[in-house]
Structures are given as structure tokens and as C-alpha cells.
Amino acid sequence: MDRIWEYRINYTREQVEVGGGTHYYNASNAVEALEAQLYISKKDGEGVNIVSVERYCPYSDKWIDETKLATASQQE
């Protein structure tokens, strides 16, 4: 069984000059968290630009940037 991590996704909205936000997801990897964000955005009918995908590491109490890892799978 895979471990579940807390992910933080920062994004901006395509249609709005000022706006965006941060959503938190519990997922087993960065790709799964990003897919959840993209699904929600598509369902709401808004385009988003992903700024960062970060995983929280409770051992170091830091956010680890996994943006490249998550977005690489979306480009394939």
C-alpha cells in the first residue's frame, strides 16, 4: 500500500488577470494530486496554469517541490 502524502498546488486562472489560489490534496504521488486539480478545474469550466506542485514532508517540516515530476507526465 502506498503512503498518502499532503500536496499543495498553487495555480493561476487563465481567464482572470488577478486570481488563483492554492488547493491541498491527499494523494499517493504528485501526478495523482495534479490530476485531481485539473479535474476540478475542468468541471468548474475554468482553465488554470499550474505554478507549483509541492509535497509536505512531515519529517523535515518542509514543502518539497515536485512540479517537474508532476507536469512531465502530463506532457506525454
PDB file of N, CA and C in Angstrom:
ATOM      1  N   MET A   1       0.844  -1.183   0.000  1.00  0.00           N
ATOM      2  CA  MET A   1       0.000   0.000   0.000  1.00  0.00           C
ATOM      3  C   MET A   1       0.886   1.241   0.000  1.00  0.00           C
ATOM      4  N   ASP A   2       0.561   2.180  -0.878  1.00  0.00           N
ATOM      5  CA  ASP A   2       1.327   3.419  -0.969  1.00  0.00           C
ATOM      6  C   ASP A   2       0.984   4.350   0.181  1.00  0.00           C
ATOM      7  N   ARG A   3       1.946   5.116   0.561  1.00  0.00           N
ATOM      8  CA  ARG A   3       1.735   6.124   1.588  1.00  0.00           C
ATOM      9  C   ARG A   3       0.970   7.296   0.988  1.00  0.00           C
ATOM     10  N   ILE A   4       0.110   7.912   1.769  1.00  0.00           N
ATOM     11  CA  ILE A   4      -0.632   9.095   1.345  1.00  0.00           C
ATOM     12  C   ILE A   4       0.101  10.319   1.883  1.00  0.00           C
ATOM     13  N   TRP A   5       0.397  11.263   0.967  1.00  0.00           N
ATOM     14  CA  TRP A   5       1.088  12.498   1.308  1.00  0.00           C
ATOM     15  C   TRP A   5       0.140  13.679   1.159  1.00  0.00           C
ATOM     16  N   GLU A   6       0.485  14.768   1.784  1.00  0.00           N
ATOM     17  CA  GLU A   6      -0.264  16.013   1.596  1.00  0.00           C
ATOM     18  C   GLU A   6       0.434  16.813   0.498  1.00  0.00           C
ATOM     19  N   TYR A   7      -0.347  17.219  -0.509  1.00  0.00           N
ATOM     20  CA  TYR A   7       0.184  18.008  -1.618  1.00  0.00           C
ATOM     21  C   TYR A   7      -0.468  19.376  -1.634  1.00  0.00           C
ATOM     22  N   ARG A   8       0.312  20.363  -2.020  1.00  0.00           N
ATOM     23  CA  ARG A   8      -0.170  21.737  -2.146  1.00  0.00           C
ATOM     24  C   ARG A   8       0.051  22.152  -3.594  1.00  0.00           C
ATOM     25  N   ILE A   9      -1.036  22.569  -4.246  1.00  0.00           N
ATOM     26  CA  ILE A   9      -0.942  23.010  -5.640  1.00  0.00           C
ATOM     27  C   ILE A   9      -1.292  24.488  -5.714  1.00  0.00           C
ATOM     28  N   ASN A  10      -0.350  25.273  -6.212  1.00  0.00           N
ATOM     29  CA  ASN A  10      -0.563  26.698  -6.436  1.00  0.00           C
ATOM     30  C   ASN A  10      -0.843  26.893  -7.919  1.00  0.00           C
ATOM     31  N   TYR A  11      -1.823  27.734  -8.230  1.00  0.00           N
ATOM     32  CA  TYR A  11      -2.218  27.929  -9.620  1.00  0.00           C
ATOM     33  C   TYR A  11      -2.726  29.346  -9.842  1.00  0.00           C
ATOM     34  N   THR A  12      -2.786  29.732 -11.114  1.00  0.00           N
ATOM     35  CA  THR A  12      -3.432  30.977 -11.516  1.00  0.00           C
ATOM     36  C   THR A  12      -4.521  30.624 -12.509  1.00  0.00           C
ATOM     37  N   ARG A  13      -5.520  31.456 -12.589  1.00  0.00           N
ATOM     38  CA  ARG A  13      -6.617  31.233 -13.539  1.00  0.00           C
ATOM     39  C   ARG A  13      -6.275  31.892 -14.868  1.00  0.00           C
ATOM     40  N   GLU A  14      -6.620  31.230 -15.960  1.00  0.00           N
ATOM     41  CA  GLU A  14      -6.310  31.760 -17.295  1.00  0.00           C
ATOM     42  C   GLU A  14      -7.188  32.939 -17.670  1.00  0.00           C
ATOM     43  N   GLN A  15      -8.468  32.903 -17.325  1.00  0.00           N
ATOM     44  CA  GLN A  15      -9.396  33.927 -17.758  1.00  0.00           C
ATOM     45  C   GLN A  15      -9.331  35.198 -16.915  1.00  0.00           C
ATOM     46  N   VAL A  16      -8.750  35.138 -15.756  1.00  0.00           N
ATOM     47  CA  VAL A  16      -8.722  36.276 -14.845  1.00  0.00           C
ATOM     48  C   VAL A  16      -7.286  36.728 -14.674  1.00  0.00           C
ATOM     49  N   GLU A  17      -7.066  38.067 -14.832  1.00  0.00           N
ATOM     50  CA  GLU A  17      -5.702  38.571 -14.693  1.00  0.00           C
ATOM     51  C   GLU A  17      -5.183  38.404 -13.276  1.00  0.00           C
ATOM     52  N   VAL A  18      -6.021  38.732 -12.315  1.00  0.00           N
ATOM     53  CA  VAL A  18      -5.632  38.585 -10.915  1.00  0.00           C
ATOM     54  C   VAL A  18      -6.483  37.482 -10.332  1.00  0.00           C
ATOM     55  N   GLY A  19      -5.868  36.514  -9.813  1.00  0.00           N
ATOM     56  CA  GLY A  19      -6.627  35.424  -9.221  1.00  0.00           C
ATOM     57  C   GLY A  19      -5.873  34.130  -9.327  1.00  0.00           C
ATOM     58  N   GLY A  20      -6.268  33.264  -8.536  1.00  0.00           N
ATOM     59  CA  GLY A  20      -5.614  31.976  -8.470  1.00  0.00           C
ATOM     60  C   GLY A  20      -5.815  31.447  -7.079  1.00  0.00           C
ATOM     61  N   GLY A  21      -4.997  30.568  -6.708  1.00  0.00           N
ATOM     62  CA  GLY A  21      -5.167  30.055  -5.374  1.00  0.00           C
ATOM     63  C   GLY A  21      -4.287  28.880  -5.082  1.00  0.00           C
ATOM     64  N   THR A  22      -4.623  28.260  -3.994  1.00  0.00           N
ATOM     65  CA  THR A  22      -3.909  27.097  -3.513  1.00  0.00           C
ATOM     66  C   THR A  22      -4.926  26.056  -3.086  1.00  0.00           C
ATOM     67  N   HIS A  23      -4.734  24.846  -3.518  1.00  0.00           N
ATOM     68  CA  HIS A  23      -5.561  23.734  -3.073  1.00  0.00           C
ATOM     69  C   HIS A  23      -4.659  22.664  -2.478  1.00  0.00           C
ATOM     70  N   TYR A  24      -5.195  21.985  -1.495  1.00  0.00           N
ATOM     71  CA  TYR A  24      -4.466  20.910  -0.829  1.00  0.00           C
ATOM     72  C   TYR A  24      -5.145  19.588  -1.133  1.00  0.00           C
ATOM     73  N   TYR A  25      -4.348  18.570  -1.401  1.00  0.00           N
ATOM     74  CA  TYR A  25      -4.868  17.246  -1.718  1.00  0.00           C
ATOM     75  C   TYR A  25      -4.088  16.188  -0.948  1.00  0.00           C
ATOM     76  N   ASN A  26      -4.762  15.123  -0.593  1.00  0.00           N
ATOM     77  CA  ASN A  26      -4.104  13.940  -0.056  1.00  0.00           C
ATOM     78  C   ASN A  26      -4.016  12.947  -1.206  1.00  0.00           C
ATOM     79  N   ALA A  27      -2.799  12.566  -1.555  1.00  0.00           N
ATOM     80  CA  ALA A  27      -2.583  11.683  -2.698  1.00  0.00           C
ATOM     81  C   ALA A  27      -1.333  10.854  -2.480  1.00  0.00           C
ATOM     82  N   SER A  28      -1.220   9.793  -3.257  1.00  0.00           N
ATOM     83  CA  SER A  28      -0.042   8.930  -3.119  1.00  0.00           C
ATOM     84  C   SER A  28       1.155   9.439  -3.918  1.00  0.00           C
ATOM     85  N   ASN A  29       0.910  10.332  -4.899  1.00  0.00           N
ATOM     86  CA  ASN A  29       2.024  10.915  -5.649  1.00  0.00           C
ATOM     87  C   ASN A  29       1.600  12.244  -6.267  1.00  0.00           C
ATOM     88  N   ALA A  30       2.569  12.969  -6.823  1.00  0.00           N
ATOM     89  CA  ALA A  30       2.325  14.301  -7.367  1.00  0.00           C
ATOM     90  C   ALA A  30       1.395  14.268  -8.580  1.00  0.00           C
ATOM     91  N   VAL A  31       1.506  13.253  -9.391  1.00  0.00           N
ATOM     92  CA  VAL A  31       0.670  13.139 -10.587  1.00  0.00           C
ATOM     93  C   VAL A  31      -0.802  13.001 -10.192  1.00  0.00           C
ATOM     94  N   GLU A  32      -1.065  12.182  -9.199  1.00  0.00           N
ATOM     95  CA  GLU A  32      -2.431  11.980  -8.724  1.00  0.00           C
ATOM     96  C   GLU A  32      -3.026  13.292  -8.193  1.00  0.00           C
ATOM     97  N   ALA A  33      -2.239  14.058  -7.457  1.00  0.00           N
ATOM     98  CA  ALA A  33      -2.701  15.344  -6.926  1.00  0.00           C
ATOM     99  C   ALA A  33      -2.983  16.330  -8.066  1.00  0.00           C
ATOM    100  N   LEU A  34      -2.100  16.374  -9.045  1.00  0.00           N
ATOM    101  CA  LEU A  34      -2.290  17.276 -10.182  1.00  0.00           C
ATOM    102  C   LEU A  34      -3.511  16.882 -10.997  1.00  0.00           C
ATOM    103  N   GLU A  35      -3.724  15.603 -11.211  1.00  0.00           N
ATOM    104  CA  GLU A  35      -4.897  15.144 -11.953  1.00  0.00           C
ATOM    105  C   GLU A  35      -6.188  15.539 -11.234  1.00  0.00           C
ATOM    106  N   ALA A  36      -6.188  15.487  -9.918  1.00  0.00           N
ATOM    107  CA  ALA A  36      -7.358  15.911  -9.147  1.00  0.00           C
ATOM    108  C   ALA A  36      -7.622  17.399  -9.347  1.00  0.00           C
ATOM    109  N   GLN A  37      -6.571  18.213  -9.338  1.00  0.00           N
ATOM    110  CA  GLN A  37      -6.723  19.654  -9.553  1.00  0.00           C
ATOM    111  C   GLN A  37      -7.254  19.946 -10.956  1.00  0.00           C
ATOM    112  N   LEU A  38      -6.705  19.284 -11.951  1.00  0.00           N
ATOM    113  CA  LEU A  38      -7.138  19.514 -13.327  1.00  0.00           C
ATOM    114  C   LEU A  38      -8.583  19.060 -13.536  1.00  0.00           C
ATOM    115  N   TYR A  39      -8.974  17.988 -12.891  1.00  0.00           N
ATOM    116  CA  TYR A  39     -10.354  17.505 -12.973  1.00  0.00           C
ATOM    117  C   TYR A  39     -11.319  18.528 -12.376  1.00  0.00           C
ATOM    118  N   ILE A  40     -10.987  19.050 -11.215  1.00  0.00           N
ATOM    119  CA  ILE A  40     -11.838  20.054 -10.564  1.00  0.00           C
ATOM    120  C   ILE A  40     -11.933  21.307 -11.425  1.00  0.00           C
ATOM    121  N   SER A  41     -10.823  21.759 -11.978  1.00  0.00           N
ATOM    122  CA  SER A  41     -10.813  22.959 -12.815  1.00  0.00           C
ATOM    123  C   SER A  41     -11.659  22.760 -14.062  1.00  0.00           C
ATOM    124  N   LYS A  42     -11.530  21.602 -14.689  1.00  0.00           N
ATOM    125  CA  LYS A  42     -12.303  21.309 -15.895  1.00  0.00           C
ATOM    126  C   LYS A  42     -13.793  21.244 -15.564  1.00  0.00           C
ATOM    127  N   LYS A  43     -14.124  20.627 -14.445  1.00  0.00           N
ATOM    128  CA  LYS A  43     -15.513  20.518 -14.008  1.00  0.00           C
ATOM    129  C   LYS A  43     -16.125  21.901 -13.769  1.00  0.00           C
ATOM    130  N   ASP A  44     -15.329  22.824 -13.220  1.00  0.00           N
ATOM    131  CA  ASP A  44     -15.790  24.184 -12.957  1.00  0.00           C
ATOM    132  C   ASP A  44     -15.747  25.059 -14.207  1.00  0.00           C
ATOM    133  N   GLY A  45     -15.185  24.544 -15.295  1.00  0.00           N
ATOM    134  CA  GLY A  45     -15.140  25.277 -16.551  1.00  0.00           C
ATOM    135  C   GLY A  45     -14.110  26.389 -16.585  1.00  0.00           C
ATOM    136  N   GLU A  46     -13.065  26.261 -15.828  1.00  0.00           N
ATOM    137  CA  GLU A  46     -12.026  27.284 -15.839  1.00  0.00           C
ATOM    138  C   GLU A  46     -10.680  26.668 -16.183  1.00  0.00           C
ATOM    139  N   GLY A  47      -9.895  27.413 -16.940  1.00  0.00           N
ATOM    140  CA  GLY A  47      -8.549  26.972 -17.252  1.00  0.00           C
ATOM    141  C   GLY A  47      -7.592  27.464 -16.183  1.00  0.00           C
ATOM    142  N   VAL A  48      -6.596  26.676 -15.891  1.00  0.00           N
ATOM    143  CA  VAL A  48      -5.619  27.071 -14.882  1.00  0.00           C
ATOM    144  C   VAL A  48      -4.207  26.867 -15.396  1.00  0.00           C
ATOM    145  N   ASN A  49      -3.312  27.657 -14.873  1.00  0.00           N
ATOM    146  CA  ASN A  49      -1.879  27.490 -15.096  1.00  0.00           C
ATOM    147  C   ASN A  49      -1.284  27.019 -13.778  1.00  0.00           C
ATOM    148  N   ILE A  50      -0.648  25.887 -13.794  1.00  0.00           N
ATOM    149  CA  ILE A  50      -0.061  25.332 -12.583  1.00  0.00           C
ATOM    150  C   ILE A  50       1.249  26.055 -12.287  1.00  0.00           C
ATOM    151  N   VAL A  51       1.339  26.620 -11.101  1.00  0.00           N
ATOM    152  CA  VAL A  51       2.551  27.319 -10.670  1.00  0.00           C
ATOM    153  C   VAL A  51       3.487  26.341  -9.974  1.00  0.00           C
ATOM    154  N   SER A  52       2.943  25.546  -9.055  1.00  0.00           N
ATOM    155  CA  SER A  52       3.793  24.585  -8.355  1.00  0.00           C
ATOM    156  C   SER A  52       2.967  23.444  -7.779  1.00  0.00           C
ATOM    157  N   VAL A  53       3.621  22.300  -7.669  1.00  0.00           N
ATOM    158  CA  VAL A  53       3.065  21.114  -7.007  1.00  0.00           C
ATOM    159  C   VAL A  53       4.092  20.736  -5.951  1.00  0.00           C
ATOM    160  N   GLU A  54       3.686  20.805  -4.682  1.00  0.00           N
ATOM    161  CA  GLU A  54       4.626  20.567  -3.601  1.00  0.00           C
ATOM    162  C   GLU A  54       4.099  19.488  -2.654  1.00  0.00           C
ATOM    163  N   ARG A  55       5.002  18.674  -2.168  1.00  0.00           N
ATOM    164  CA  ARG A  55       4.662  17.613  -1.211  1.00  0.00           C
ATOM    165  C   ARG A  55       5.180  18.000   0.160  1.00  0.00           C
ATOM    166  N   TYR A  56       4.322  17.854   1.151  1.00  0.00           N
ATOM    167  CA  TYR A  56       4.737  18.159   2.518  1.00  0.00           C
ATOM    168  C   TYR A  56       5.439  16.956   3.126  1.00  0.00           C
ATOM    169  N   CYS A  57       6.623  17.197   3.660  1.00  0.00           N
ATOM    170  CA  CYS A  57       7.384  16.145   4.329  1.00  0.00           C
ATOM    171  C   CYS A  57       7.307  16.391   5.839  1.00  0.00           C
ATOM    172  N   PRO A  58       6.577  15.548   6.552  1.00  0.00           N
ATOM    173  CA  PRO A  58       6.431  15.768   7.990  1.00  0.00           C
ATOM    174  C   PRO A  58       7.724  15.539   8.778  1.00  0.00           C
ATOM    175  N   TYR A  59       8.672  14.836   8.195  1.00  0.00           N
ATOM    176  CA  TYR A  59       9.926  14.550   8.887  1.00  0.00           C
ATOM    177  C   TYR A  59      10.840  15.777   8.935  1.00  0.00           C
ATOM    178  N   SER A  60      10.848  16.545   7.851  1.00  0.00           N
ATOM    179  CA  SER A  60      11.673  17.754   7.812  1.00  0.00           C
ATOM    180  C   SER A  60      10.846  19.018   8.025  1.00  0.00           C
ATOM    181  N   ASP A  61       9.516  18.872   8.057  1.00  0.00           N
ATOM    182  CA  ASP A  61       8.594  20.000   8.219  1.00  0.00           C
ATOM    183  C   ASP A  61       8.786  21.029   7.097  1.00  0.00           C
ATOM    184  N   LYS A  62       8.968  20.523   5.864  1.00  0.00           N
ATOM    185  CA  LYS A  62       9.190  21.381   4.697  1.00  0.00           C
ATOM    186  C   LYS A  62       8.331  20.911   3.526  1.00  0.00           C
ATOM    187  N   TRP A  63       8.091  21.836   2.590  1.00  0.00           N
ATOM    188  CA  TRP A  63       7.403  21.512   1.338  1.00  0.00           C
ATOM    189  C   TRP A  63       8.459  21.229   0.290  1.00  0.00           C
ATOM    190  N   ILE A  64       8.335  20.104  -0.401  1.00  0.00           N
ATOM    191  CA  ILE A  64       9.295  19.670  -1.414  1.00  0.00           C
ATOM    192  C   ILE A  64       8.663  19.875  -2.792  1.00  0.00           C
ATOM    193  N   ASP A  65       9.343  20.627  -3.641  1.00  0.00           N
ATOM    194  CA  ASP A  65       8.815  20.945  -4.968  1.00  0.00           C
ATOM    195  C   ASP A  65       8.877  19.711  -5.876  1.00  0.00           C
ATOM    196  N   GLU A  66       7.724  19.282  -6.366  1.00  0.00           N
ATOM    197  CA  GLU A  66       7.635  18.153  -7.292  1.00  0.00           C
ATOM    198  C   GLU A  66       6.927  18.559  -8.583  1.00  0.00           C
ATOM    199  N   THR A  67       7.025  19.837  -8.927  1.00  0.00           N
ATOM    200  CA  THR A  67       6.342  20.373 -10.101  1.00  0.00           C
ATOM    201  C   THR A  67       6.803  19.678 -11.381  1.00  0.00           C
ATOM    202  N   LYS A  68       8.095  19.573 -11.578  1.00  0.00           N
ATOM    203  CA  LYS A  68       8.631  18.951 -12.803  1.00  0.00           C
ATOM    204  C   LYS A  68       8.202  17.500 -12.913  1.00  0.00           C
ATOM    205  N   LEU A  69       8.202  16.818 -11.810  1.00  0.00           N
ATOM    206  CA  LEU A  69       7.804  15.409 -11.778  1.00  0.00           C
ATOM    207  C   LEU A  69       6.338  15.253 -12.192  1.00  0.00           C
ATOM    208  N   ALA A  70       5.474  16.123 -11.685  1.00  0.00           N
ATOM    209  CA  ALA A  70       4.037  16.031 -11.970  1.00  0.00           C
ATOM    210  C   ALA A  70       3.703  16.476 -13.385  1.00  0.00           C
ATOM    211  N   THR A  71       4.301  17.556 -13.836  1.00  0.00           N
ATOM    212  CA  THR A  71       3.957  18.094 -15.149  1.00  0.00           C
ATOM    213  C   THR A  71       4.586  17.284 -16.281  1.00  0.00           C
ATOM    214  N   ALA A  72       5.668  16.583 -16.037  1.00  0.00           N
ATOM    215  CA  ALA A  72       6.305  15.761 -17.076  1.00  0.00           C
ATOM    216  C   ALA A  72       5.354  14.673 -17.551  1.00  0.00           C
ATOM    217  N   SER A  73       4.594  14.106 -16.636  1.00  0.00           N
ATOM    218  CA  SER A  73       3.665  13.047 -17.015  1.00  0.00           C
ATOM    219  C   SER A  73       2.474  13.591 -17.801  1.00  0.00           C
ATOM    220  N   GLN A  74       2.143  14.857 -17.606  1.00  0.00           N
ATOM    221  CA  GLN A  74       1.019  15.458 -18.322  1.00  0.00           C
ATOM    222  C   GLN A  74       1.392  15.790 -19.770  1.00  0.00           C
ATOM    223  N   GLN A  75       2.674  15.946 -20.062  1.00  0.00           N
ATOM    224  CA  GLN A  75       3.114  16.291 -21.408  1.00  0.00           C
ATOM    225  C   GLN A  75       3.287  15.091 -22.298  1.00  0.00           C
ATOM    226  N   GLU A  76       3.257  13.894 -21.751  1.00  0.00           N
ATOM    227  CA  GLU A  76       3.461  12.674 -22.547  1.00  0.00           C
ATOM    228  C   GLU A  76       2.245  12.332 -23.363  1.00  0.00           C
TER     229      GLU A  76
END
